[in-house]
N, C-alpha and C. Protein backbone atom coordinates (compact mmCIF):
# COMPACT_ATOMS: atom_id res chain seq x y z
N MET A 1 -56.58 -16.36 -32.42
CA MET A 1 -56.38 -14.93 -32.39
C MET A 1 -57.73 -14.19 -32.32
N LYS A 2 -58.75 -14.76 -32.94
CA LYS A 2 -60.06 -14.12 -32.95
C LYS A 2 -60.70 -14.15 -31.56
N LYS A 3 -60.32 -15.12 -30.70
CA LYS A 3 -60.91 -15.20 -29.37
C LYS A 3 -60.33 -14.15 -28.43
N ILE A 4 -59.14 -13.69 -28.71
CA ILE A 4 -58.49 -12.71 -27.84
C ILE A 4 -59.15 -11.34 -27.99
N GLY A 5 -59.64 -10.99 -29.14
CA GLY A 5 -60.26 -9.70 -29.41
C GLY A 5 -61.45 -9.41 -28.49
N PRO A 6 -62.45 -10.28 -28.45
CA PRO A 6 -63.60 -10.02 -27.57
C PRO A 6 -63.21 -10.02 -26.09
N LEU A 7 -62.29 -10.89 -25.71
CA LEU A 7 -61.84 -10.94 -24.32
C LEU A 7 -61.15 -9.64 -23.93
N LEU A 8 -60.33 -9.12 -24.82
CA LEU A 8 -59.64 -7.87 -24.57
C LEU A 8 -60.64 -6.71 -24.50
N LEU A 9 -61.64 -6.75 -25.34
CA LEU A 9 -62.67 -5.72 -25.33
C LEU A 9 -63.45 -5.73 -24.02
N VAL A 10 -63.78 -6.90 -23.51
CA VAL A 10 -64.50 -7.02 -22.24
C VAL A 10 -63.63 -6.52 -21.10
N ALA A 11 -62.35 -6.85 -21.13
CA ALA A 11 -61.44 -6.41 -20.07
C ALA A 11 -61.31 -4.88 -20.08
N LEU A 12 -61.21 -4.29 -21.24
CA LEU A 12 -61.10 -2.84 -21.33
C LEU A 12 -62.38 -2.15 -20.86
N LEU A 13 -63.51 -2.70 -21.19
CA LEU A 13 -64.78 -2.13 -20.73
C LEU A 13 -64.91 -2.22 -19.21
N ALA A 14 -64.46 -3.32 -18.64
CA ALA A 14 -64.55 -3.49 -17.19
C ALA A 14 -63.67 -2.46 -16.47
N LEU A 15 -62.50 -2.21 -17.00
CA LEU A 15 -61.60 -1.24 -16.38
C LEU A 15 -62.08 0.19 -16.60
N ALA A 16 -62.63 0.48 -17.75
CA ALA A 16 -63.09 1.83 -18.05
C ALA A 16 -64.40 2.14 -17.34
N ASP A 17 -65.11 1.13 -16.93
CA ASP A 17 -66.40 1.30 -16.27
C ASP A 17 -66.25 1.98 -14.91
N GLY A 18 -65.13 1.84 -14.27
CA GLY A 18 -64.96 2.40 -12.93
C GLY A 18 -65.41 1.41 -11.88
N GLY A 19 -65.57 0.17 -12.24
CA GLY A 19 -65.99 -0.85 -11.28
C GLY A 19 -64.87 -1.25 -10.35
N CYS A 20 -63.65 -0.90 -10.68
CA CYS A 20 -62.52 -1.23 -9.82
C CYS A 20 -62.58 -0.32 -8.60
N SER A 21 -62.49 -0.91 -7.45
CA SER A 21 -62.67 -0.14 -6.22
C SER A 21 -61.52 0.82 -5.95
N TYR A 22 -60.36 0.62 -6.57
CA TYR A 22 -59.23 1.51 -6.31
C TYR A 22 -59.33 2.82 -7.09
N VAL A 23 -60.29 2.93 -8.00
CA VAL A 23 -60.41 4.14 -8.81
C VAL A 23 -60.99 5.29 -7.99
N THR A 24 -61.94 5.01 -7.12
CA THR A 24 -62.59 6.07 -6.35
C THR A 24 -61.87 6.28 -5.02
N LYS A 25 -62.07 7.45 -4.45
CA LYS A 25 -61.45 7.77 -3.17
C LYS A 25 -62.01 6.87 -2.06
N SER A 26 -63.32 6.66 -2.05
CA SER A 26 -63.91 5.82 -1.01
C SER A 26 -63.45 4.36 -1.16
N GLY A 27 -63.23 3.92 -2.39
CA GLY A 27 -62.74 2.57 -2.61
C GLY A 27 -61.34 2.39 -2.05
N ARG A 28 -60.50 3.39 -2.26
CA ARG A 28 -59.14 3.33 -1.70
C ARG A 28 -59.18 3.37 -0.18
N GLN A 29 -60.08 4.18 0.39
CA GLN A 29 -60.21 4.24 1.84
C GLN A 29 -60.69 2.91 2.42
N GLN A 30 -61.64 2.29 1.75
CA GLN A 30 -62.15 1.00 2.21
C GLN A 30 -61.07 -0.07 2.14
N ALA A 31 -60.27 -0.05 1.08
CA ALA A 31 -59.20 -1.02 0.95
C ALA A 31 -58.13 -0.79 2.02
N ALA A 32 -57.83 0.47 2.29
CA ALA A 32 -56.83 0.79 3.33
C ALA A 32 -57.34 0.35 4.70
N TYR A 33 -58.63 0.55 4.95
CA TYR A 33 -59.20 0.14 6.24
C TYR A 33 -59.19 -1.39 6.36
N ALA A 34 -59.48 -2.08 5.27
CA ALA A 34 -59.44 -3.55 5.29
C ALA A 34 -58.02 -4.05 5.58
N ARG A 35 -57.02 -3.40 4.98
CA ARG A 35 -55.63 -3.78 5.27
C ARG A 35 -55.29 -3.52 6.73
N TYR A 36 -55.74 -2.39 7.26
CA TYR A 36 -55.50 -2.04 8.67
C TYR A 36 -56.12 -3.09 9.59
N ILE A 37 -57.35 -3.50 9.31
CA ILE A 37 -58.02 -4.50 10.14
C ILE A 37 -57.29 -5.84 10.07
N ARG A 38 -56.87 -6.26 8.87
CA ARG A 38 -56.11 -7.51 8.74
C ARG A 38 -54.82 -7.46 9.53
N HIS A 39 -54.12 -6.34 9.43
CA HIS A 39 -52.84 -6.19 10.13
C HIS A 39 -53.05 -6.19 11.64
N SER A 40 -54.06 -5.47 12.12
CA SER A 40 -54.34 -5.41 13.55
C SER A 40 -54.76 -6.77 14.10
N SER A 41 -55.60 -7.47 13.34
CA SER A 41 -56.06 -8.79 13.79
C SER A 41 -54.89 -9.76 13.88
N TYR A 42 -54.00 -9.70 12.88
CA TYR A 42 -52.83 -10.58 12.88
C TYR A 42 -51.95 -10.30 14.09
N ASN A 43 -51.69 -9.02 14.37
CA ASN A 43 -50.84 -8.67 15.51
C ASN A 43 -51.49 -9.06 16.83
N ARG A 44 -52.82 -8.91 16.94
CA ARG A 44 -53.52 -9.28 18.17
C ARG A 44 -53.45 -10.80 18.39
N MET A 45 -53.63 -11.57 17.32
CA MET A 45 -53.55 -13.03 17.46
C MET A 45 -52.13 -13.46 17.83
N LYS A 46 -51.13 -12.78 17.24
CA LYS A 46 -49.74 -13.11 17.54
C LYS A 46 -49.43 -12.82 19.01
N LEU A 47 -49.93 -11.71 19.53
CA LEU A 47 -49.71 -11.35 20.93
C LEU A 47 -50.43 -12.32 21.86
N GLN A 48 -51.64 -12.74 21.51
CA GLN A 48 -52.37 -13.69 22.34
C GLN A 48 -51.65 -15.04 22.38
N ARG A 49 -51.12 -15.48 21.25
CA ARG A 49 -50.35 -16.74 21.24
C ARG A 49 -49.12 -16.62 22.11
N LYS A 50 -48.45 -15.48 22.03
CA LYS A 50 -47.23 -15.26 22.81
C LYS A 50 -47.55 -15.26 24.31
N LEU A 51 -48.63 -14.59 24.69
CA LEU A 51 -48.99 -14.53 26.10
C LEU A 51 -49.50 -15.87 26.62
N SER A 52 -50.20 -16.63 25.80
CA SER A 52 -50.72 -17.91 26.27
C SER A 52 -49.61 -18.95 26.39
N SER A 53 -48.55 -18.82 25.60
CA SER A 53 -47.47 -19.79 25.68
C SER A 53 -46.44 -19.43 26.75
N SER A 54 -46.48 -18.20 27.26
CA SER A 54 -45.50 -17.81 28.28
C SER A 54 -45.85 -18.48 29.60
N PRO A 55 -44.85 -18.77 30.43
CA PRO A 55 -45.13 -19.43 31.71
C PRO A 55 -45.89 -18.50 32.65
N LYS A 56 -46.78 -19.06 33.36
CA LYS A 56 -47.59 -18.29 34.31
C LYS A 56 -46.81 -18.11 35.60
N ILE A 57 -46.93 -16.93 36.21
CA ILE A 57 -46.27 -16.66 37.49
C ILE A 57 -47.21 -17.13 38.59
N ARG A 58 -46.73 -18.05 39.38
CA ARG A 58 -47.55 -18.60 40.46
C ARG A 58 -47.08 -18.02 41.79
N PRO A 59 -48.00 -17.79 42.70
CA PRO A 59 -47.58 -17.26 44.00
C PRO A 59 -46.79 -18.33 44.77
N PRO A 60 -45.78 -17.91 45.52
CA PRO A 60 -44.98 -18.90 46.26
C PRO A 60 -45.82 -19.58 47.33
N LYS A 61 -45.59 -20.86 47.49
CA LYS A 61 -46.33 -21.61 48.52
C LYS A 61 -45.64 -21.44 49.86
N MET A 62 -46.44 -21.29 50.89
CA MET A 62 -45.90 -21.15 52.24
C MET A 62 -45.58 -22.55 52.77
N GLU A 63 -44.34 -22.77 53.17
CA GLU A 63 -43.92 -24.07 53.69
C GLU A 63 -44.43 -24.27 55.12
N SER A 64 -44.40 -23.21 55.90
CA SER A 64 -44.85 -23.32 57.29
C SER A 64 -45.67 -22.08 57.63
N GLU A 65 -46.27 -22.12 58.76
CA GLU A 65 -47.05 -20.97 59.21
C GLU A 65 -46.11 -19.80 59.50
N PRO A 66 -46.52 -18.61 59.17
CA PRO A 66 -45.66 -17.46 59.46
C PRO A 66 -45.53 -17.27 60.97
N THR A 67 -44.32 -16.92 61.40
CA THR A 67 -44.08 -16.69 62.83
C THR A 67 -44.23 -15.21 63.13
N VAL A 68 -44.78 -14.93 64.28
CA VAL A 68 -44.97 -13.54 64.69
C VAL A 68 -44.04 -13.29 65.86
N ALA A 69 -43.17 -12.30 65.70
CA ALA A 69 -42.23 -11.96 66.76
C ALA A 69 -42.95 -11.09 67.78
N THR A 70 -42.88 -11.50 69.01
CA THR A 70 -43.50 -10.71 70.07
C THR A 70 -42.42 -10.23 71.02
N SER A 71 -42.62 -9.08 71.55
CA SER A 71 -41.67 -8.55 72.53
C SER A 71 -42.45 -8.14 73.77
N THR A 72 -41.74 -7.90 74.84
CA THR A 72 -42.39 -7.59 76.10
C THR A 72 -42.94 -6.18 76.14
N GLY A 73 -42.39 -5.28 75.35
CA GLY A 73 -42.87 -3.92 75.37
C GLY A 73 -42.26 -3.12 74.24
N PRO A 74 -42.68 -1.90 74.09
CA PRO A 74 -42.10 -1.07 73.03
C PRO A 74 -40.64 -0.76 73.34
N GLU A 75 -39.86 -0.71 72.31
CA GLU A 75 -38.43 -0.45 72.46
C GLU A 75 -38.13 0.85 71.75
N SER A 76 -37.45 1.77 72.40
CA SER A 76 -37.17 3.04 71.76
C SER A 76 -35.97 2.90 70.84
N VAL A 77 -35.88 3.80 69.88
CA VAL A 77 -34.80 3.75 68.91
C VAL A 77 -33.48 4.06 69.58
N THR A 78 -33.45 4.99 70.50
CA THR A 78 -32.19 5.38 71.14
C THR A 78 -31.68 4.25 72.04
N THR A 79 -32.56 3.52 72.65
CA THR A 79 -32.14 2.43 73.51
C THR A 79 -31.49 1.32 72.70
N SER A 80 -32.09 0.95 71.57
CA SER A 80 -31.52 -0.13 70.76
C SER A 80 -30.24 0.34 70.09
N ALA A 81 -30.14 1.63 69.72
CA ALA A 81 -28.91 2.13 69.12
C ALA A 81 -27.81 2.20 70.14
N ASP A 82 -28.12 2.57 71.41
CA ASP A 82 -27.11 2.65 72.46
C ASP A 82 -26.58 1.25 72.79
N SER A 83 -27.45 0.26 72.79
CA SER A 83 -26.99 -1.09 73.12
C SER A 83 -26.13 -1.66 72.00
N ALA A 84 -26.41 -1.29 70.74
CA ALA A 84 -25.62 -1.76 69.63
C ALA A 84 -24.23 -1.13 69.65
N VAL A 85 -24.13 0.15 70.06
CA VAL A 85 -22.85 0.83 70.14
C VAL A 85 -22.01 0.28 71.30
N SER A 86 -22.67 0.01 72.41
CA SER A 86 -21.95 -0.48 73.58
C SER A 86 -21.45 -1.90 73.37
N GLN A 87 -22.11 -2.68 72.51
CA GLN A 87 -21.65 -4.05 72.27
C GLN A 87 -20.39 -4.08 71.42
N ASN A 88 -20.18 -3.06 70.58
CA ASN A 88 -18.99 -3.02 69.73
C ASN A 88 -17.82 -2.62 70.48
């Protein structure tokens, strides 16, 4: 029981001293900023893991050379529309 007395006295002096960072306004701000940084870092790491594990989109491979359609001359819109109507 005698050992608890000095320990309790030291604990009370430490708390009354103002050494606890939550007592001052700047201490609370620093603690809040540290929590914000921890939270942001955790979310950034979580997002990076999610993006790195997602499948990558690859461009489609061309099986053959692209073909270019060539015609003998320019074709007017009315001519192609008239031929489509006459075929029906």
